[in-house]
Amino acid sequence: MQTKLGLLGLGEISTLFYINELEKVIDSNNKSYKVYQTNFDEINNILPHPSEKLKEIVSKNINSLLNLDVNTLLIPNITLHQTMDSLKLDVNVIHPLKETVVSLKKENCTEVVLLGSIYTMQSDYIKLYFSEHGISIKTPLENEQSFIDNLRKKVFLQTANAALIADYNLIIKKYAQKNAVVIACTELSVASQISNGRIFDMARIQIKEALRINQQ
């Protein structure tokens, strides 16, 4: 079956990031992928915690995306996958946790520093999944976690300045000197300006996999 990629439109910054990365390779004029734009405020207002209400809203939007005749889903929000995991979807989902574990294992990484929202860094969702695959997680210092979460919010609101972004990249550089670093938030991917073999960016890993299967 030919891959028909569907992108769920969520926050403006994150969705544009995915689209721009896809269109570096995919010719958008050929309609190689389709986008269904959600009312993201409706979703964001009840994120990050999974709930029956969130499942209902996400399921409705996923069904609308599937109605565009797609069979592979790319979701530009790492946290939302925790809710999607509880849905029974008869469709391929390019899962950021799964694909990142594959990438980490290729590099024999068994311990990582996790950068994400406060919820992501403090909850068990990613920690438990990685642990099941033999990968342990460390988190930044408490004050760094607060800074990172604040930057994430400012990127989302498009109010992050160059100084904040530079300080954030210094944190990445600091931890990447001795550890593998996993970036688990699309807004943090947008702000990331460092690329090396120690940095595993979930959003970019998702996009790379989407491009790979799109070319099959």
N, C-alpha and C. Protein backbone atom coordinates (compact mmCIF):
# COMPACT_ATOMS: atom_id res chain seq x y z
N MET A 1 0.84 -1.19 0.00
CA MET A 1 0.00 0.00 0.00
C MET A 1 0.88 1.25 0.00
N GLN A 2 0.57 2.17 -0.87
CA GLN A 2 1.35 3.40 -0.94
C GLN A 2 1.12 4.24 0.30
N THR A 3 2.21 4.80 0.83
CA THR A 3 2.10 5.63 2.01
C THR A 3 1.41 6.95 1.66
N LYS A 4 0.39 7.28 2.42
CA LYS A 4 -0.30 8.56 2.28
C LYS A 4 -0.22 9.23 3.64
N LEU A 5 0.63 10.22 3.72
CA LEU A 5 0.97 10.85 4.99
C LEU A 5 -0.04 11.92 5.37
N GLY A 6 -0.51 11.86 6.62
CA GLY A 6 -1.43 12.88 7.13
C GLY A 6 -0.83 13.56 8.34
N LEU A 7 -0.82 14.88 8.34
CA LEU A 7 -0.28 15.68 9.44
C LEU A 7 -1.44 16.34 10.18
N LEU A 8 -1.50 16.14 11.48
CA LEU A 8 -2.54 16.78 12.29
C LEU A 8 -2.06 18.17 12.67
N GLY A 9 -2.78 19.18 12.22
CA GLY A 9 -2.41 20.56 12.52
C GLY A 9 -2.75 20.91 13.96
N LEU A 10 -1.73 21.28 14.73
CA LEU A 10 -1.94 21.61 16.13
C LEU A 10 -1.48 23.05 16.35
N GLY A 11 -0.56 23.32 17.28
CA GLY A 11 -0.09 24.69 17.47
C GLY A 11 0.59 25.23 16.23
N GLU A 12 0.47 26.52 16.01
CA GLU A 12 0.99 27.14 14.79
C GLU A 12 2.47 26.90 14.61
N ILE A 13 3.25 27.17 15.66
CA ILE A 13 4.71 27.06 15.55
C ILE A 13 5.12 25.62 15.28
N SER A 14 4.57 24.68 16.04
CA SER A 14 4.97 23.28 15.88
C SER A 14 4.54 22.74 14.52
N THR A 15 3.33 23.07 14.09
CA THR A 15 2.85 22.56 12.80
C THR A 15 3.68 23.11 11.66
N LEU A 16 4.00 24.39 11.69
CA LEU A 16 4.82 24.99 10.64
C LEU A 16 6.22 24.39 10.63
N PHE A 17 6.73 24.07 11.82
CA PHE A 17 8.05 23.44 11.90
C PHE A 17 8.05 22.11 11.14
N TYR A 18 7.04 21.29 11.39
CA TYR A 18 6.94 20.00 10.70
C TYR A 18 6.76 20.20 9.20
N ILE A 19 5.89 21.12 8.82
CA ILE A 19 5.64 21.35 7.39
C ILE A 19 6.92 21.81 6.70
N ASN A 20 7.62 22.75 7.32
CA ASN A 20 8.84 23.28 6.70
C ASN A 20 9.90 22.20 6.55
N GLU A 21 10.02 21.33 7.57
CA GLU A 21 11.00 20.25 7.48
C GLU A 21 10.60 19.23 6.41
N LEU A 22 9.32 18.94 6.32
CA LEU A 22 8.85 18.01 5.29
C LEU A 22 9.10 18.57 3.89
N GLU A 23 8.84 19.86 3.72
CA GLU A 23 8.91 20.45 2.39
C GLU A 23 10.34 20.73 1.92
N LYS A 24 11.31 20.49 2.81
CA LYS A 24 12.70 20.51 2.35
C LYS A 24 12.96 19.34 1.42
N VAL A 25 12.11 18.30 1.55
CA VAL A 25 12.29 17.08 0.77
C VAL A 25 11.08 16.79 -0.12
N ILE A 26 9.88 16.95 0.46
CA ILE A 26 8.66 16.64 -0.27
C ILE A 26 8.16 17.88 -1.00
N ASP A 27 7.82 17.72 -2.26
CA ASP A 27 7.25 18.82 -3.05
C ASP A 27 5.78 18.99 -2.68
N SER A 28 5.46 20.09 -1.99
CA SER A 28 4.09 20.28 -1.53
C SER A 28 3.11 20.42 -2.69
N ASN A 29 3.60 20.84 -3.85
CA ASN A 29 2.72 20.98 -5.01
C ASN A 29 2.20 19.64 -5.51
N ASN A 30 2.91 18.57 -5.14
CA ASN A 30 2.47 17.24 -5.55
C ASN A 30 1.48 16.61 -4.56
N LYS A 31 1.15 17.40 -3.50
CA LYS A 31 0.19 16.93 -2.51
C LYS A 31 0.60 15.56 -1.95
N SER A 32 1.88 15.43 -1.60
CA SER A 32 2.37 14.17 -1.08
C SER A 32 1.91 13.91 0.35
N TYR A 33 1.42 14.93 1.01
CA TYR A 33 0.87 14.76 2.34
C TYR A 33 -0.32 15.70 2.50
N LYS A 34 -1.15 15.40 3.48
CA LYS A 34 -2.32 16.23 3.72
C LYS A 34 -2.33 16.68 5.17
N VAL A 35 -2.93 17.85 5.40
CA VAL A 35 -2.99 18.43 6.73
C VAL A 35 -4.44 18.65 7.12
N TYR A 36 -4.78 18.24 8.34
CA TYR A 36 -6.09 18.59 8.89
C TYR A 36 -5.83 19.50 10.09
N GLN A 37 -6.34 20.73 10.03
CA GLN A 37 -6.11 21.70 11.08
C GLN A 37 -7.17 21.59 12.18
N THR A 38 -6.72 21.34 13.38
CA THR A 38 -7.63 21.24 14.51
C THR A 38 -7.90 22.62 15.11
N ASN A 39 -8.84 22.67 16.00
CA ASN A 39 -8.98 23.81 16.92
C ASN A 39 -8.05 23.52 18.08
N PHE A 40 -6.81 23.96 17.98
CA PHE A 40 -5.82 23.53 18.97
C PHE A 40 -6.11 24.07 20.37
N ASP A 41 -6.75 25.23 20.46
CA ASP A 41 -7.09 25.74 21.79
C ASP A 41 -7.94 24.74 22.55
N GLU A 42 -8.84 24.08 21.84
CA GLU A 42 -9.72 23.10 22.47
C GLU A 42 -8.90 21.96 23.07
N ILE A 43 -7.85 21.58 22.37
CA ILE A 43 -6.96 20.51 22.85
C ILE A 43 -6.01 21.02 23.93
N ASN A 44 -5.38 22.14 23.65
CA ASN A 44 -4.34 22.66 24.54
C ASN A 44 -4.87 23.03 25.92
N ASN A 45 -6.12 23.45 25.96
CA ASN A 45 -6.70 23.87 27.23
C ASN A 45 -6.82 22.72 28.23
N ILE A 46 -6.80 21.47 27.74
CA ILE A 46 -6.90 20.33 28.67
C ILE A 46 -5.67 19.42 28.64
N LEU A 47 -4.67 19.79 27.86
CA LEU A 47 -3.37 19.13 27.96
C LEU A 47 -2.68 19.59 29.24
N PRO A 48 -1.72 18.84 29.80
CA PRO A 48 -1.11 17.63 29.25
C PRO A 48 -1.72 16.33 29.75
N HIS A 49 -2.53 16.39 30.79
CA HIS A 49 -2.98 15.17 31.43
C HIS A 49 -4.01 14.42 30.58
N PRO A 50 -3.82 13.12 30.39
CA PRO A 50 -4.82 12.32 29.66
C PRO A 50 -6.17 12.36 30.38
N SER A 51 -7.23 12.36 29.60
CA SER A 51 -8.58 12.36 30.17
C SER A 51 -9.54 11.82 29.12
N GLU A 52 -10.72 11.44 29.55
CA GLU A 52 -11.73 10.97 28.60
C GLU A 52 -12.13 12.08 27.65
N LYS A 53 -12.20 13.31 28.14
CA LYS A 53 -12.55 14.44 27.27
C LYS A 53 -11.49 14.65 26.20
N LEU A 54 -10.23 14.57 26.60
CA LEU A 54 -9.15 14.73 25.63
C LEU A 54 -9.18 13.61 24.60
N LYS A 55 -9.41 12.38 25.05
CA LYS A 55 -9.52 11.25 24.13
C LYS A 55 -10.63 11.48 23.11
N GLU A 56 -11.75 11.99 23.58
CA GLU A 56 -12.89 12.24 22.68
C GLU A 56 -12.54 13.28 21.63
N ILE A 57 -11.90 14.36 22.04
CA ILE A 57 -11.55 15.43 21.10
C ILE A 57 -10.49 14.95 20.09
N VAL A 58 -9.47 14.26 20.60
CA VAL A 58 -8.40 13.77 19.72
C VAL A 58 -8.96 12.76 18.73
N SER A 59 -9.78 11.85 19.20
CA SER A 59 -10.37 10.83 18.33
C SER A 59 -11.17 11.48 17.21
N LYS A 60 -11.93 12.49 17.54
CA LYS A 60 -12.73 13.20 16.52
C LYS A 60 -11.83 13.82 15.46
N ASN A 61 -10.74 14.43 15.88
CA ASN A 61 -9.83 15.07 14.93
C ASN A 61 -9.05 14.06 14.11
N ILE A 62 -8.65 12.95 14.73
CA ILE A 62 -7.96 11.90 13.99
C ILE A 62 -8.88 11.34 12.90
N ASN A 63 -10.14 11.12 13.23
CA ASN A 63 -11.09 10.61 12.23
C ASN A 63 -11.25 11.58 11.07
N SER A 64 -11.25 12.87 11.36
CA SER A 64 -11.34 13.87 10.29
C SER A 64 -10.11 13.82 9.39
N LEU A 65 -8.94 13.60 10.00
CA LEU A 65 -7.71 13.48 9.22
C LEU A 65 -7.74 12.22 8.37
N LEU A 66 -8.21 11.11 8.93
CA LEU A 66 -8.28 9.86 8.17
C LEU A 66 -9.26 9.96 7.01
N ASN A 67 -10.25 10.82 7.13
CA ASN A 67 -11.21 11.02 6.04
C ASN A 67 -10.58 11.69 4.82
N LEU A 68 -9.36 12.19 4.99
CA LEU A 68 -8.63 12.78 3.86
C LEU A 68 -7.87 11.71 3.07
N ASP A 69 -8.17 10.44 3.36
CA ASP A 69 -7.57 9.31 2.66
C ASP A 69 -6.07 9.21 2.91
N VAL A 70 -5.71 9.18 4.20
CA VAL A 70 -4.32 8.98 4.59
C VAL A 70 -4.23 7.68 5.38
N ASN A 71 -3.05 7.10 5.44
CA ASN A 71 -2.87 5.85 6.17
C ASN A 71 -1.69 5.87 7.14
N THR A 72 -1.01 7.00 7.22
CA THR A 72 0.12 7.16 8.13
C THR A 72 0.02 8.53 8.77
N LEU A 73 0.08 8.56 10.10
CA LEU A 73 -0.14 9.81 10.82
C LEU A 73 1.14 10.37 11.43
N LEU A 74 1.29 11.68 11.30
CA LEU A 74 2.39 12.41 11.90
C LEU A 74 1.78 13.48 12.80
N ILE A 75 2.04 13.38 14.10
CA ILE A 75 1.40 14.24 15.08
C ILE A 75 2.45 15.16 15.70
N PRO A 76 2.38 16.48 15.45
CA PRO A 76 3.42 17.40 15.92
C PRO A 76 3.23 17.87 17.36
N ASN A 77 3.08 16.92 18.25
CA ASN A 77 2.98 17.22 19.68
C ASN A 77 3.36 15.95 20.44
N ILE A 78 4.47 15.98 21.13
CA ILE A 78 4.97 14.76 21.79
C ILE A 78 4.02 14.31 22.88
N THR A 79 3.57 15.24 23.71
CA THR A 79 2.72 14.90 24.85
C THR A 79 1.41 14.25 24.43
N LEU A 80 0.88 14.68 23.29
CA LEU A 80 -0.42 14.17 22.85
C LEU A 80 -0.39 12.68 22.56
N HIS A 81 0.80 12.14 22.31
CA HIS A 81 0.89 10.70 22.03
C HIS A 81 0.51 9.85 23.25
N GLN A 82 0.64 10.40 24.44
CA GLN A 82 0.23 9.66 25.62
C GLN A 82 -1.27 9.37 25.57
N THR A 83 -2.03 10.33 25.11
CA THR A 83 -3.47 10.12 24.94
C THR A 83 -3.76 9.23 23.75
N MET A 84 -3.02 9.43 22.66
CA MET A 84 -3.25 8.63 21.45
C MET A 84 -2.95 7.15 21.70
N ASP A 85 -2.05 6.87 22.61
CA ASP A 85 -1.71 5.47 22.92
C ASP A 85 -2.92 4.69 23.42
N SER A 86 -3.89 5.39 23.98
CA SER A 86 -5.06 4.72 24.53
C SER A 86 -6.18 4.57 23.51
N LEU A 87 -5.98 5.11 22.31
CA LEU A 87 -6.98 4.99 21.26
C LEU A 87 -6.70 3.75 20.41
N LYS A 88 -7.73 3.11 19.94
CA LYS A 88 -7.57 1.95 19.08
C LYS A 88 -7.62 2.43 17.63
N LEU A 89 -6.43 2.64 17.08
CA LEU A 89 -6.34 3.21 15.73
C LEU A 89 -5.84 2.16 14.75
N ASP A 90 -6.59 1.94 13.70
CA ASP A 90 -6.19 1.01 12.65
C ASP A 90 -5.42 1.76 11.57
N VAL A 91 -4.32 2.36 11.99
CA VAL A 91 -3.52 3.19 11.08
C VAL A 91 -2.12 3.31 11.67
N ASN A 92 -1.14 3.48 10.81
CA ASN A 92 0.24 3.63 11.27
C ASN A 92 0.44 5.03 11.85
N VAL A 93 0.96 5.09 13.07
CA VAL A 93 1.31 6.35 13.70
C VAL A 93 2.83 6.40 13.87
N ILE A 94 3.45 7.44 13.37
CA ILE A 94 4.90 7.59 13.52
C ILE A 94 5.13 8.09 14.95
N HIS A 95 5.50 7.17 15.82
CA HIS A 95 5.52 7.44 17.25
C HIS A 95 6.88 7.97 17.70
N PRO A 96 6.92 9.14 18.32
CA PRO A 96 8.22 9.72 18.69
C PRO A 96 9.02 8.90 19.69
N LEU A 97 8.33 8.26 20.64
CA LEU A 97 9.06 7.48 21.64
C LEU A 97 9.66 6.24 21.00
N LYS A 98 8.87 5.55 20.22
CA LYS A 98 9.35 4.33 19.56
C LYS A 98 10.54 4.63 18.65
N GLU A 99 10.40 5.65 17.81
CA GLU A 99 11.46 5.95 16.85
C GLU A 99 12.73 6.47 17.56
N THR A 100 12.54 7.20 18.66
CA THR A 100 13.71 7.70 19.38
C THR A 100 14.46 6.56 20.07
N VAL A 101 13.74 5.61 20.62
CA VAL A 101 14.39 4.44 21.22
C VAL A 101 15.19 3.68 20.17
N VAL A 102 14.64 3.53 18.98
CA VAL A 102 15.37 2.87 17.89
C VAL A 102 16.68 3.61 17.62
N SER A 103 16.60 4.94 17.55
CA SER A 103 17.80 5.75 17.28
C SER A 103 18.82 5.64 18.41
N LEU A 104 18.33 5.65 19.65
CA LEU A 104 19.23 5.55 20.80
C LEU A 104 19.93 4.20 20.84
N LYS A 105 19.20 3.14 20.54
CA LYS A 105 19.80 1.81 20.57
C LYS A 105 20.86 1.64 19.48
N LYS A 106 20.64 2.28 18.35
CA LYS A 106 21.64 2.22 17.28
C LYS A 106 22.98 2.80 17.75
N GLU A 107 22.90 3.75 18.67
CA GLU A 107 24.11 4.39 19.18
C GLU A 107 24.52 3.83 20.54
N ASN A 108 23.87 2.72 20.94
CA ASN A 108 24.19 2.05 22.22
C ASN A 108 24.06 2.99 23.43
N CYS A 109 23.06 3.85 23.39
CA CYS A 109 22.82 4.77 24.49
C CYS A 109 21.92 4.11 25.53
N THR A 110 22.36 4.08 26.77
CA THR A 110 21.57 3.47 27.84
C THR A 110 21.16 4.48 28.90
N GLU A 111 21.59 5.73 28.77
CA GLU A 111 21.21 6.78 29.71
C GLU A 111 21.13 8.10 28.95
N VAL A 112 20.07 8.87 29.22
CA VAL A 112 19.89 10.14 28.51
C VAL A 112 19.45 11.22 29.49
N VAL A 113 19.67 12.46 29.09
CA VAL A 113 19.10 13.61 29.79
C VAL A 113 17.89 14.08 28.98
N LEU A 114 16.76 14.20 29.65
CA LEU A 114 15.51 14.53 28.97
C LEU A 114 15.18 16.01 29.12
N LEU A 115 14.95 16.68 27.99
CA LEU A 115 14.51 18.07 27.97
C LEU A 115 13.10 18.12 27.39
N GLY A 116 12.20 18.73 28.12
CA GLY A 116 10.82 18.85 27.65
C GLY A 116 10.07 19.83 28.52
N SER A 117 8.75 19.75 28.47
CA SER A 117 7.96 20.57 29.38
C SER A 117 8.16 20.06 30.81
N ILE A 118 7.73 20.86 31.78
CA ILE A 118 7.79 20.41 33.17
C ILE A 118 7.05 19.09 33.32
N TYR A 119 5.89 19.00 32.70
CA TYR A 119 5.10 17.76 32.78
C TYR A 119 5.90 16.58 32.24
N THR A 120 6.50 16.75 31.09
CA THR A 120 7.27 15.67 30.46
C THR A 120 8.46 15.26 31.30
N MET A 121 9.17 16.25 31.85
CA MET A 121 10.37 15.94 32.61
C MET A 121 10.05 15.30 33.96
N GLN A 122 8.87 15.57 34.50
CA GLN A 122 8.54 15.08 35.83
C GLN A 122 7.58 13.90 35.83
N SER A 123 6.91 13.64 34.73
CA SER A 123 5.96 12.53 34.68
C SER A 123 6.68 11.23 34.33
N ASP A 124 5.93 10.13 34.39
CA ASP A 124 6.52 8.81 34.15
C ASP A 124 6.34 8.32 32.72
N TYR A 125 5.64 9.06 31.88
CA TYR A 125 5.28 8.54 30.55
C TYR A 125 6.51 8.11 29.75
N ILE A 126 7.43 9.02 29.54
CA ILE A 126 8.62 8.69 28.76
C ILE A 126 9.57 7.82 29.58
N LYS A 127 9.69 8.12 30.86
CA LYS A 127 10.61 7.35 31.72
C LYS A 127 10.28 5.87 31.71
N LEU A 128 9.01 5.53 31.84
CA LEU A 128 8.62 4.12 31.87
C LEU A 128 8.86 3.44 30.53
N TYR A 129 8.53 4.14 29.44
CA TYR A 129 8.73 3.55 28.11
C TYR A 129 10.21 3.30 27.86
N PHE A 130 11.04 4.28 28.17
CA PHE A 130 12.48 4.12 27.96
C PHE A 130 13.03 3.02 28.86
N SER A 131 12.56 2.97 30.11
CA SER A 131 13.04 1.96 31.04
C SER A 131 12.75 0.56 30.54
N GLU A 132 11.59 0.38 29.92
CA GLU A 132 11.23 -0.93 29.37
C GLU A 132 12.20 -1.36 28.27
N HIS A 133 12.91 -0.40 27.70
CA HIS A 133 13.87 -0.70 26.64
C HIS A 133 15.31 -0.51 27.10
N GLY A 134 15.50 -0.53 28.42
CA GLY A 134 16.85 -0.50 28.97
C GLY A 134 17.53 0.85 28.93
N ILE A 135 16.76 1.93 28.89
CA ILE A 135 17.32 3.27 28.82
C ILE A 135 16.84 4.07 30.04
N SER A 136 17.76 4.57 30.83
CA SER A 136 17.40 5.37 32.00
C SER A 136 17.43 6.85 31.66
N ILE A 137 16.67 7.62 32.44
CA ILE A 137 16.51 9.05 32.17
C ILE A 137 16.97 9.88 33.36
N LYS A 138 17.74 10.91 33.07
CA LYS A 138 18.06 11.95 34.04
C LYS A 138 17.40 13.24 33.57
N THR A 139 17.18 14.16 34.48
CA THR A 139 16.59 15.44 34.13
C THR A 139 17.52 16.58 34.55
N PRO A 140 17.36 17.75 33.94
CA PRO A 140 18.20 18.90 34.33
C PRO A 140 17.92 19.33 35.77
N LEU A 141 18.74 20.24 36.25
CA LEU A 141 18.53 20.82 37.57
C LEU A 141 17.15 21.49 37.63
N GLU A 142 16.63 21.63 38.84
CA GLU A 142 15.27 22.16 39.00
C GLU A 142 15.11 23.54 38.39
N ASN A 143 16.09 24.42 38.61
CA ASN A 143 16.00 25.77 38.05
C ASN A 143 16.09 25.73 36.52
N GLU A 144 16.84 24.77 35.99
CA GLU A 144 16.94 24.63 34.53
C GLU A 144 15.62 24.12 33.96
N GLN A 145 14.97 23.22 34.68
CA GLN A 145 13.67 22.74 34.23
C GLN A 145 12.67 23.89 34.12
N SER A 146 12.67 24.75 35.11
CA SER A 146 11.76 25.91 35.09
C SER A 146 12.09 26.83 33.92
N PHE A 147 13.38 27.04 33.69
CA PHE A 147 13.79 27.89 32.56
C PHE A 147 13.36 27.28 31.23
N ILE A 148 13.60 26.00 31.08
CA ILE A 148 13.25 25.31 29.83
C ILE A 148 11.75 25.37 29.57
N ASP A 149 10.95 25.16 30.61
CA ASP A 149 9.50 25.21 30.45
C ASP A 149 9.04 26.62 30.11
N ASN A 150 9.67 27.61 30.71
CA ASN A 150 9.32 29.00 30.40
C ASN A 150 9.67 29.33 28.95
N LEU A 151 10.83 28.87 28.49
CA LEU A 151 11.21 29.10 27.10
C LEU A 151 10.22 28.43 26.16
N ARG A 152 9.84 27.20 26.49
CA ARG A 152 8.86 26.47 25.67
C ARG A 152 7.60 27.30 25.48
N LYS A 153 7.10 27.87 26.56
CA LYS A 153 5.88 28.68 26.49
C LYS A 153 6.09 29.92 25.63
N LYS A 154 7.25 30.54 25.77
CA LYS A 154 7.52 31.75 24.98
C LYS A 154 7.67 31.43 23.49
N VAL A 155 8.25 30.29 23.16
CA VAL A 155 8.32 29.89 21.75
C VAL A 155 6.91 29.69 21.20
N PHE A 156 6.06 29.04 21.99
CA PHE A 156 4.68 28.81 21.58
C PHE A 156 3.96 30.14 21.32
N LEU A 157 4.22 31.13 22.18
CA LEU A 157 3.57 32.44 22.05
C LEU A 157 4.32 33.36 21.09
N GLN A 158 5.44 32.88 20.55
CA GLN A 158 6.28 33.65 19.63
C GLN A 158 6.85 34.91 20.29
N THR A 159 7.22 34.78 21.57
CA THR A 159 7.80 35.91 22.29
C THR A 159 9.22 35.62 22.78
N ALA A 160 9.78 34.48 22.41
CA ALA A 160 11.14 34.13 22.84
C ALA A 160 12.15 35.03 22.14
N ASN A 161 13.10 35.57 22.90
CA ASN A 161 14.13 36.42 22.28
C ASN A 161 15.43 35.64 22.11
N ALA A 162 16.37 36.27 21.42
CA ALA A 162 17.63 35.59 21.08
C ALA A 162 18.42 35.21 22.32
N ALA A 163 18.36 36.03 23.35
CA ALA A 163 19.13 35.75 24.56
C ALA A 163 18.60 34.50 25.26
N LEU A 164 17.28 34.37 25.36
CA LEU A 164 16.69 33.19 25.98
C LEU A 164 17.04 31.93 25.20
N ILE A 165 16.96 32.02 23.88
CA ILE A 165 17.27 30.88 23.04
C ILE A 165 18.74 30.49 23.17
N ALA A 166 19.61 31.49 23.25
CA ALA A 166 21.04 31.21 23.41
C ALA A 166 21.30 30.51 24.75
N ASP A 167 20.65 30.97 25.80
CA ASP A 167 20.83 30.33 27.12
C ASP A 167 20.32 28.89 27.10
N TYR A 168 19.22 28.67 26.41
CA TYR A 168 18.68 27.31 26.29
C TYR A 168 19.67 26.41 25.57
N ASN A 169 20.28 26.91 24.51
CA ASN A 169 21.24 26.09 23.77
C ASN A 169 22.52 25.83 24.57
N LEU A 170 22.84 26.73 25.49
CA LEU A 170 23.96 26.47 26.40
C LEU A 170 23.65 25.30 27.32
N ILE A 171 22.39 25.17 27.73
CA ILE A 171 21.99 24.03 28.56
C ILE A 171 22.13 22.73 27.76
N ILE A 172 21.67 22.75 26.52
CA ILE A 172 21.83 21.57 25.66
C ILE A 172 23.31 21.21 25.55
N LYS A 173 24.13 22.22 25.24
CA LYS A 173 25.56 21.99 25.05
C LYS A 173 26.19 21.43 26.32
N LYS A 174 25.80 21.95 27.46
CA LYS A 174 26.33 21.50 28.75
C LYS A 174 26.09 20.00 28.94
N TYR A 175 24.85 19.57 28.74
CA TYR A 175 24.52 18.17 29.00
C TYR A 175 25.02 17.25 27.89
N ALA A 176 25.12 17.76 26.68
CA ALA A 176 25.56 16.93 25.56
C ALA A 176 27.06 16.63 25.61
N GLN A 177 27.79 17.33 26.47
CA GLN A 177 29.23 17.06 26.59
C GLN A 177 29.49 15.66 27.13
N LYS A 178 28.60 15.18 28.02
CA LYS A 178 28.84 13.89 28.67
C LYS A 178 27.68 12.92 28.53
N ASN A 179 26.56 13.37 27.98
CA ASN A 179 25.36 12.54 27.93
C ASN A 179 24.70 12.62 26.56
N ALA A 180 23.89 11.61 26.28
CA ALA A 180 22.94 11.75 25.18
C ALA A 180 21.80 12.63 25.69
N VAL A 181 21.33 13.55 24.85
CA VAL A 181 20.26 14.47 25.22
C VAL A 181 19.06 14.21 24.33
N VAL A 182 17.90 14.02 24.95
CA VAL A 182 16.67 13.82 24.19
C VAL A 182 15.79 15.06 24.34
N ILE A 183 15.42 15.66 23.22
CA ILE A 183 14.52 16.81 23.21
C ILE A 183 13.13 16.30 22.91
N ALA A 184 12.21 16.50 23.88
CA ALA A 184 10.88 15.89 23.79
C ALA A 184 9.77 16.94 23.81
N CYS A 185 9.95 17.98 23.01
CA CYS A 185 8.94 19.04 22.90
C CYS A 185 9.21 19.78 21.60
N THR A 186 8.19 19.93 20.77
CA THR A 186 8.42 20.54 19.46
C THR A 186 8.89 21.99 19.57
N GLU A 187 8.33 22.75 20.51
CA GLU A 187 8.78 24.13 20.68
C GLU A 187 10.26 24.19 21.05
N LEU A 188 10.72 23.21 21.81
CA LEU A 188 12.14 23.15 22.15
C LEU A 188 12.98 22.72 20.95
N SER A 189 12.37 21.93 20.06
CA SER A 189 13.05 21.58 18.81
C SER A 189 13.23 22.82 17.95
N VAL A 190 12.20 23.66 17.90
CA VAL A 190 12.26 24.90 17.13
C VAL A 190 13.41 25.77 17.62
N ALA A 191 13.61 25.81 18.94
CA ALA A 191 14.63 26.68 19.53
C ALA A 191 16.03 26.07 19.53
N SER A 192 16.12 24.77 19.25
CA SER A 192 17.41 24.10 19.28
C SER A 192 18.26 24.49 18.09
N GLN A 193 19.50 24.89 18.36
CA GLN A 193 20.41 25.34 17.30
C GLN A 193 21.68 24.50 17.24
N ILE A 194 21.70 23.41 17.99
CA ILE A 194 22.88 22.55 18.04
C ILE A 194 22.54 21.20 17.42
N SER A 195 23.42 20.72 16.57
CA SER A 195 23.21 19.42 15.95
C SER A 195 24.49 18.60 16.07
N ASN A 196 24.39 17.52 16.82
CA ASN A 196 25.51 16.58 16.87
C ASN A 196 24.98 15.21 17.25
N GLY A 197 25.85 14.23 17.24
CA GLY A 197 25.43 12.85 17.44
C GLY A 197 24.93 12.53 18.83
N ARG A 198 25.10 13.45 19.79
CA ARG A 198 24.63 13.21 21.14
C ARG A 198 23.21 13.72 21.37
N ILE A 199 22.66 14.44 20.41
CA ILE A 199 21.34 15.07 20.58
C ILE A 199 20.31 14.30 19.76
N PHE A 200 19.28 13.84 20.44
CA PHE A 200 18.21 13.07 19.81
C PHE A 200 16.92 13.87 19.94
N ASP A 201 16.55 14.49 18.84
CA ASP A 201 15.40 15.40 18.81
C ASP A 201 14.18 14.62 18.33
N MET A 202 13.21 14.40 19.23
CA MET A 202 12.07 13.56 18.88
C MET A 202 11.31 14.06 17.66
N ALA A 203 11.12 15.35 17.55
CA ALA A 203 10.37 15.89 16.41
C ALA A 203 11.11 15.60 15.11
N ARG A 204 12.40 15.87 15.09
CA ARG A 204 13.18 15.64 13.86
C ARG A 204 13.29 14.14 13.55
N ILE A 205 13.33 13.32 14.59
CA ILE A 205 13.37 11.86 14.37
C ILE A 205 12.05 11.41 13.75
N GLN A 206 10.93 11.93 14.24
CA GLN A 206 9.62 11.63 13.63
C GLN A 206 9.61 12.02 12.15
N ILE A 207 10.04 13.22 11.89
CA ILE A 207 10.00 13.75 10.52
C ILE A 207 10.91 12.92 9.60
N LYS A 208 12.07 12.55 10.10
CA LYS A 208 12.99 11.72 9.32
C LYS A 208 12.33 10.39 8.94
N GLU A 209 11.63 9.79 9.90
CA GLU A 209 10.95 8.52 9.63
C GLU A 209 9.80 8.73 8.64
N ALA A 210 9.08 9.84 8.76
CA ALA A 210 7.99 10.13 7.82
C ALA A 210 8.54 10.25 6.40
N LEU A 211 9.66 10.91 6.26
CA LEU A 211 10.26 11.06 4.94
C LEU A 211 10.75 9.72 4.40
N ARG A 212 11.28 8.88 5.29
CA ARG A 212 11.78 7.57 4.85
C ARG A 212 10.65 6.72 4.29
N ILE A 213 9.55 6.63 5.03
CA ILE A 213 8.47 5.77 4.56
C ILE A 213 7.71 6.41 3.40
N ASN A 214 7.77 7.73 3.30
CA ASN A 214 7.12 8.39 2.17
C ASN A 214 7.80 8.05 0.86
N GLN A 215 9.09 7.71 0.95
CA GLN A 215 9.86 7.42 -0.26
C GLN A 215 9.80 5.95 -0.67
N GLN A 216 9.10 5.13 0.11
CA GLN A 216 9.02 3.70 -0.21
C GLN A 216 8.13 3.46 -1.40
